[in-house]
Amino acid sequence: MRLQFVLPLFLFGLSAPLHADLSLSTQSTSMTPALTRGDLTSDPQLPDVAKRDSRTRWLIGGYAGVIATYGFLSWWNKDVERHVLQPDGTVTTETFSNRSSFRVNNEGWFGEDSPNGGADKLGHFYSSYLGTRLMAQTFQWAGHDAQTAAKIAGWTAGSVMLGVEIMDGFSLEYGFSKEDLVMNLGGVALGAWFELRPDLDEKFDVRFHYWRSDDAKLLGDGDPISDYSGQTYLFITKAAGFNALRDKPILRYLELALGYGSRGYQPNPGQFAEQFPKERNIYVGLSLNLNQVLNDTLFRHQTQPSTTKKVLETTLEYLQMPGTALLYEYHL
């Protein structure tokens, strides 16, 4: 299956978590001991409960509408195309309808004979992780505390990916995959855990690296989501996140990177394309902590983080920029 970036479906029914854990701090000396729902409007720092829940539903609904539309147009309502390498060396495309009765597809995990060498499984893990992290931060903006925001984000991302799998079950190209579902749950769990444990978030990142593959260039495929041969998934350990290393002049900018990627699986011109050797690779090496570099240079005089800094920090936390890692490649 292809890499997916979260598709919320049927999420308006998640109203129960919206009212969960509405505990509020009463440490302020100006706040009365008993804080009721009506008192919320007296504190300008706390959004009205109705406004908060309205924001939350609009965020989930808007997210669902946009991504569901994209999924329908790009995945499920699109005919299946197969690239076939002809004896004369030309590549032709055969087209099939993508609609099917519900079916389960046993795709396997990271084996050589799996559809995409396991890259799609990490795509599910990463997209669930990313969706949980970003939605949790968005729900905090809406007015929820960090713990409640993480819970709502977990419900959202988990339901999203379940909806994706159900829709895949009715497509000829994909089918319902229990392996994908397991990876989805793993990504949601890790994303929620990092949101609830800022100390872990300081030490570790999960990142996506993309560089357009030669396979995609040959076939004229410009979609990074389906170009598995150009994708690498990295688990990053940041030296700056550890007390013993964060003040070291050079080490503070370094990260230990452990990654995985497949090559030659997708895109390719069909099962007869011998010139597309299939690889499953583990990557180990060092990467550059660009956020730390920027904090110590461009943003070193900022007492309050600017919008530019926030955007860059978020981007660099989830994406590995090309040319910022030195990796050893080990073929499985």
Protein backbone atom coordinates (compact mmCIF):
# COMPACT_ATOMS: atom_id res chain seq x y z
CA MET A 1 0.00 0.00 0.00
CA ARG A 2 1.02 3.62 -0.47
CA LEU A 3 2.12 6.07 2.14
CA GLN A 4 -0.90 7.78 3.67
CA PHE A 5 -1.15 11.10 5.44
CA VAL A 6 -4.21 10.56 7.56
CA LEU A 7 -7.82 10.40 6.45
CA PRO A 8 -10.40 11.09 9.17
CA LEU A 9 -13.72 9.42 8.44
CA PHE A 10 -16.88 9.34 10.56
CA LEU A 11 -15.17 11.31 13.35
CA PHE A 12 -18.05 13.54 14.36
CA GLY A 13 -19.11 10.78 16.74
CA LEU A 14 -16.05 11.31 18.93
CA SER A 15 -17.87 13.73 21.17
CA ALA A 16 -17.22 11.75 24.34
CA PRO A 17 -13.49 12.45 24.49
CA LEU A 18 -14.15 16.14 23.93
CA HIS A 19 -15.52 16.43 27.44
CA ALA A 20 -13.02 14.09 29.11
CA ASP A 21 -10.45 15.20 31.66
CA LEU A 22 -11.59 18.79 31.93
CA SER A 23 -9.37 19.34 34.95
CA LEU A 24 -8.14 22.92 35.26
CA SER A 25 -5.37 24.42 37.32
CA THR A 26 -6.51 26.33 40.42
CA GLN A 27 -3.08 27.55 41.42
CA SER A 28 -3.86 31.19 40.63
CA THR A 29 -4.57 33.14 43.81
CA SER A 30 -7.30 35.07 42.03
CA MET A 31 -9.27 31.96 41.16
CA THR A 32 -12.02 30.71 43.43
CA PRO A 33 -11.61 27.19 44.86
CA ALA A 34 -14.61 25.83 43.00
CA LEU A 35 -14.36 26.45 39.28
CA THR A 36 -17.58 25.84 37.40
CA ARG A 37 -18.35 25.76 33.68
CA GLY A 38 -19.72 29.28 33.85
CA ASP A 39 -16.52 30.58 35.43
CA LEU A 40 -14.48 29.72 32.34
CA THR A 41 -15.59 32.87 30.55
CA SER A 42 -14.18 35.08 33.32
CA ASP A 43 -10.60 34.02 32.55
CA PRO A 44 -9.43 35.39 29.17
CA GLN A 45 -6.75 32.69 29.03
CA LEU A 46 -9.33 29.89 29.02
CA PRO A 47 -11.66 29.48 26.02
CA ASP A 48 -15.32 28.90 26.63
CA VAL A 49 -16.11 25.18 26.68
CA ALA A 50 -18.62 25.52 23.86
CA LYS A 51 -16.11 27.46 21.76
CA ARG A 52 -13.40 24.91 22.49
CA ASP A 53 -15.58 21.97 21.51
CA SER A 54 -16.83 23.80 18.42
CA ARG A 55 -13.25 24.43 17.35
CA THR A 56 -12.43 20.78 17.93
CA ARG A 57 -15.30 19.51 15.82
CA TRP A 58 -14.53 21.98 13.04
CA LEU A 59 -10.90 20.91 13.04
CA ILE A 60 -11.78 17.24 12.85
CA GLY A 61 -14.53 17.82 10.31
CA GLY A 62 -12.44 20.04 8.06
CA TYR A 63 -9.55 17.64 8.25
CA ALA A 64 -11.88 14.77 7.39
CA GLY A 65 -13.48 16.57 4.47
CA VAL A 66 -10.26 17.65 2.80
CA ILE A 67 -8.41 14.36 3.14
CA ALA A 68 -11.47 12.23 2.37
CA THR A 69 -11.92 14.13 -0.87
CA TYR A 70 -8.27 13.61 -1.73
CA GLY A 71 -8.51 9.92 -0.92
CA PHE A 72 -11.58 9.46 -3.06
CA LEU A 73 -10.09 11.22 -6.05
CA SER A 74 -6.55 9.87 -5.77
CA TRP A 75 -6.98 6.38 -4.33
CA TRP A 76 -10.35 4.67 -4.31
CA ASN A 77 -12.14 6.17 -7.32
CA LYS A 78 -9.12 5.92 -9.56
CA ASP A 79 -8.61 3.08 -12.03
CA VAL A 80 -5.73 0.74 -11.30
CA GLU A 81 -2.79 1.19 -13.65
CA ARG A 82 -0.15 -1.45 -14.22
CA HIS A 83 3.15 -0.68 -15.96
CA VAL A 84 4.27 -3.56 -18.19
CA LEU A 85 7.70 -3.81 -19.82
CA GLN A 86 7.35 -5.02 -23.41
CA PRO A 87 9.95 -7.21 -25.24
CA ASP A 88 11.05 -4.24 -27.34
CA GLY A 89 11.93 -2.29 -24.20
CA THR A 90 8.93 0.03 -24.19
CA VAL A 91 6.67 0.44 -21.17
CA THR A 92 2.90 0.21 -21.61
CA THR A 93 0.10 0.79 -19.13
CA GLU A 94 -2.91 -1.47 -18.56
CA THR A 95 -5.96 -0.11 -16.76
CA PHE A 96 -8.48 -1.88 -14.48
CA SER A 97 -11.41 -0.70 -12.39
CA ASN A 98 -10.41 -0.22 -8.75
CA ARG A 99 -13.79 -1.15 -7.27
CA SER A 100 -14.24 -4.49 -5.58
CA SER A 101 -16.29 -6.32 -2.98
CA PHE A 102 -14.73 -6.21 0.48
CA ARG A 103 -11.65 -8.36 0.69
CA VAL A 104 -8.72 -8.95 3.03
CA ASN A 105 -5.22 -8.77 1.60
CA ASN A 106 -2.46 -10.60 3.50
CA GLU A 107 0.43 -8.37 2.49
CA GLY A 108 3.10 -9.62 4.86
CA TRP A 109 5.58 -7.41 6.67
CA PHE A 110 9.16 -6.68 5.60
CA GLY A 111 9.90 -9.77 3.55
CA GLU A 112 11.53 -9.72 0.14
CA ASP A 113 8.30 -10.98 -1.43
CA SER A 114 6.06 -8.42 0.28
CA PRO A 115 4.40 -5.86 -2.05
CA ASN A 116 6.71 -2.98 -1.17
CA GLY A 117 9.43 -4.52 0.94
CA GLY A 118 7.88 -3.12 4.11
CA ALA A 119 8.20 0.55 3.15
CA ASP A 120 4.42 0.84 3.04
CA LYS A 121 4.22 -0.54 6.59
CA LEU A 122 6.52 2.18 7.86
CA GLY A 123 4.45 4.63 5.81
CA HIS A 124 1.40 3.64 7.83
CA PHE A 125 3.34 3.87 11.09
CA TYR A 126 4.75 7.29 10.23
CA SER A 127 1.50 8.79 8.96
CA SER A 128 -0.33 7.64 12.11
CA TYR A 129 2.47 9.00 14.28
CA LEU A 130 2.56 12.31 12.40
CA GLY A 131 -1.21 12.68 12.45
CA THR A 132 -1.33 12.09 16.21
CA ARG A 133 1.46 14.58 16.92
CA LEU A 134 0.12 17.38 14.72
CA MET A 135 -3.50 16.93 15.75
CA ALA A 136 -2.54 16.94 19.43
CA GLN A 137 -0.84 20.30 19.00
CA THR A 138 -3.84 21.61 17.07
CA PHE A 139 -6.23 20.50 19.79
CA GLN A 140 -4.12 22.33 22.35
CA TRP A 141 -4.59 25.45 20.24
CA ALA A 142 -8.34 24.79 20.36
CA GLY A 143 -8.22 25.02 24.16
CA HIS A 144 -7.51 21.53 25.50
CA ASP A 145 -4.79 20.71 27.98
CA ALA A 146 -1.91 18.57 26.70
CA GLN A 147 -3.20 15.29 28.11
CA THR A 148 -6.71 15.68 26.73
CA ALA A 149 -5.37 16.89 23.38
CA ALA A 150 -3.20 13.77 23.09
CA LYS A 151 -6.19 11.54 23.83
CA ILE A 152 -8.40 13.21 21.24
CA ALA A 153 -5.57 13.10 18.71
CA GLY A 154 -5.10 9.39 19.35
CA TRP A 155 -8.79 8.72 18.81
CA THR A 156 -8.74 10.83 15.67
CA ALA A 157 -5.67 9.31 14.08
CA GLY A 158 -6.70 5.78 15.03
CA SER A 159 -10.18 6.23 13.58
CA VAL A 160 -8.71 7.88 10.52
CA MET A 161 -6.49 4.95 9.68
CA LEU A 162 -9.21 2.42 10.45
CA GLY A 163 -11.42 4.28 7.98
CA VAL A 164 -8.64 4.15 5.41
CA GLU A 165 -8.30 0.40 5.83
CA ILE A 166 -12.04 -0.16 5.50
CA MET A 167 -12.12 1.83 2.29
CA ASP A 168 -9.07 -0.07 1.06
CA GLY A 169 -11.01 -3.27 1.63
CA PHE A 170 -13.37 -2.26 -1.17
CA SER A 171 -10.59 -1.48 -3.65
CA LEU A 172 -9.01 -3.86 -6.13
CA GLU A 173 -5.57 -2.35 -5.71
CA TYR A 174 -5.25 -2.47 -1.93
CA GLY A 175 -7.61 -4.59 0.15
CA PHE A 176 -7.95 -4.56 3.95
CA SER A 177 -4.58 -5.26 5.57
CA LYS A 178 -4.23 -6.37 9.19
CA GLU A 179 -0.53 -5.59 8.98
CA ASP A 180 -1.33 -1.99 8.09
CA LEU A 181 -3.77 -1.80 10.97
CA VAL A 182 -1.14 -2.97 13.47
CA MET A 183 1.36 -0.40 12.20
CA ASN A 184 -1.30 2.31 12.41
CA LEU A 185 -1.91 1.53 16.07
CA GLY A 186 1.81 1.52 16.76
CA GLY A 187 2.22 4.96 15.22
CA VAL A 188 -0.71 6.36 17.19
CA ALA A 189 0.68 4.93 20.43
CA LEU A 190 4.16 6.37 19.92
CA GLY A 191 2.79 9.74 18.85
CA ALA A 192 0.57 10.02 21.92
CA TRP A 193 3.41 8.86 24.17
CA PHE A 194 5.76 11.53 22.86
CA GLU A 195 3.08 14.18 23.32
CA LEU A 196 2.62 13.12 26.94
CA ARG A 197 6.37 12.83 27.59
CA PRO A 198 8.19 16.01 26.50
CA ASP A 199 11.42 14.58 27.91
CA LEU A 200 11.28 11.79 25.32
CA ASP A 201 10.35 14.23 22.57
CA GLU A 202 13.54 16.17 23.33
CA LYS A 203 15.62 13.03 22.85
CA PHE A 204 13.99 11.25 19.91
CA ASP A 205 12.39 12.00 16.53
CA VAL A 206 10.75 9.91 13.82
CA ARG A 207 11.48 11.44 10.41
CA PHE A 208 10.67 10.96 6.76
CA HIS A 209 13.34 11.47 4.10
CA TYR A 210 12.53 11.67 0.40
CA TRP A 211 14.68 11.96 -2.70
CA ARG A 212 13.02 11.22 -6.03
CA SER A 213 14.13 7.80 -7.23
CA ASP A 214 15.54 6.91 -10.64
CA ASP A 215 12.57 4.54 -11.02
CA ALA A 216 10.13 7.44 -10.67
CA LYS A 217 12.12 9.58 -13.08
CA LEU A 218 12.14 6.80 -15.69
CA LEU A 219 8.39 6.27 -15.43
CA GLY A 220 7.49 9.95 -15.12
CA ASP A 221 5.98 9.41 -11.66
CA GLY A 222 6.05 12.66 -9.71
CA ASP A 223 4.10 11.54 -6.63
CA PRO A 224 6.33 11.19 -3.52
CA ILE A 225 3.58 9.23 -1.77
CA SER A 226 3.79 6.35 -4.24
CA ASP A 227 7.55 6.57 -4.84
CA TYR A 228 8.67 4.04 -2.21
CA SER A 229 12.09 3.78 -3.81
CA GLY A 230 12.72 7.40 -2.84
CA GLN A 231 11.55 7.08 0.77
CA THR A 232 13.58 6.41 3.90
CA TYR A 233 12.19 6.32 7.43
CA LEU A 234 14.52 7.33 10.25
CA PHE A 235 14.47 6.99 14.03
CA ILE A 236 16.64 9.77 15.42
CA THR A 237 18.40 10.05 18.78
CA LYS A 238 19.46 13.65 19.47
CA ALA A 239 22.59 14.35 21.50
CA ALA A 240 21.16 17.74 22.50
CA GLY A 241 18.34 15.95 24.30
CA PHE A 242 20.68 14.49 26.92
CA ASN A 243 22.07 16.54 29.81
CA ALA A 244 25.55 15.08 29.47
CA LEU A 245 25.83 16.05 25.79
CA ARG A 246 23.73 19.16 25.19
CA ASP A 247 26.52 21.55 26.18
CA LYS A 248 29.27 19.83 24.21
CA PRO A 249 30.42 22.20 21.43
CA ILE A 250 30.24 19.71 18.54
CA LEU A 251 28.31 16.72 19.85
CA ARG A 252 25.25 18.86 20.57
CA TYR A 253 24.67 19.20 16.82
CA LEU A 254 24.89 15.49 16.05
CA GLU A 255 22.23 12.79 15.97
CA LEU A 256 22.34 9.01 15.73
CA ALA A 257 20.15 7.83 12.85
CA LEU A 258 18.68 4.36 12.33
CA GLY A 259 16.56 3.89 9.22
CA TYR A 260 14.89 1.59 6.73
CA GLY A 261 13.92 1.83 3.08
CA SER A 262 13.12 -0.39 0.10
CA ARG A 263 14.26 0.12 -3.47
CA GLY A 264 12.93 -1.22 -6.77
CA TYR A 265 9.47 -2.22 -5.52
CA GLN A 266 7.37 0.79 -6.46
CA PRO A 267 7.20 2.46 -8.85
CA ASN A 268 8.35 -0.10 -11.42
CA PRO A 269 7.16 -1.28 -14.84
CA GLY A 270 5.86 -4.65 -13.70
CA GLN A 271 7.09 -8.01 -12.47
CA PHE A 272 9.23 -8.61 -15.57
CA ALA A 273 11.46 -5.57 -15.02
CA GLU A 274 14.75 -7.27 -14.22
CA GLN A 275 16.64 -4.00 -14.49
CA PHE A 276 14.84 -2.86 -11.32
CA PRO A 277 16.62 -4.94 -8.64
CA LYS A 278 14.71 -5.09 -5.38
CA GLU A 279 16.48 -4.05 -2.19
CA ARG A 280 15.57 -3.82 1.47
CA ASN A 281 18.05 -1.64 3.29
CA ILE A 282 18.86 -0.77 6.88
CA TYR A 283 20.64 2.56 7.39
CA VAL A 284 22.88 3.53 10.30
CA GLY A 285 24.82 6.75 10.66
CA LEU A 286 24.95 10.34 11.83
CA SER A 287 22.71 13.26 10.98
CA LEU A 288 22.81 16.98 11.64
CA ASN A 289 20.45 18.52 14.17
CA LEU A 290 19.32 21.49 12.09
CA ASN A 291 16.98 22.76 14.79
CA GLN A 292 19.88 23.01 17.22
CA VAL A 293 22.02 24.73 14.60
CA LEU A 294 19.29 27.31 13.92
CA ASN A 295 18.66 27.87 17.63
CA ASP A 296 22.34 28.67 18.14
CA THR A 297 22.67 30.91 15.08
CA LEU A 298 19.69 32.44 13.31
CA PHE A 299 17.36 32.38 16.34
CA ARG A 300 19.91 32.80 19.14
CA HIS A 301 18.66 36.28 20.12
CA GLN A 302 14.95 35.43 20.17
CA THR A 303 13.42 35.58 23.63
CA GLN A 304 10.03 34.52 22.27
CA PRO A 305 9.83 32.05 19.36
CA SER A 306 8.70 33.69 16.14
CA THR A 307 6.24 32.12 13.72
CA THR A 308 9.12 31.35 11.37
CA LYS A 309 10.97 29.52 14.10
CA LYS A 310 7.90 27.50 15.08
CA VAL A 311 7.25 26.46 11.48
CA LEU A 312 10.86 25.46 10.92
CA GLU A 313 11.06 23.56 14.20
CA THR A 314 7.96 21.56 13.36
CA THR A 315 9.10 20.85 9.81
CA LEU A 316 12.58 19.73 10.84
CA GLU A 317 11.22 17.55 13.63
CA TYR A 318 9.32 15.35 11.17
CA LEU A 319 11.27 15.68 7.91
CA GLN A 320 14.91 14.81 7.29
CA MET A 321 16.35 17.32 4.85
CA PRO A 322 18.39 15.86 1.95
CA GLY A 323 22.13 16.14 2.47
CA THR A 324 21.97 16.33 6.28
CA ALA A 325 22.77 12.69 7.11
CA LEU A 326 25.74 10.39 6.50
CA LEU A 327 24.35 6.84 6.44
CA TYR A 328 25.85 3.40 6.01
CA GLU A 329 23.62 1.16 3.88
CA TYR A 330 23.23 -2.49 4.83
CA HIS A 331 21.38 -4.76 2.36
CA LEU A 332 19.12 -7.41 3.85
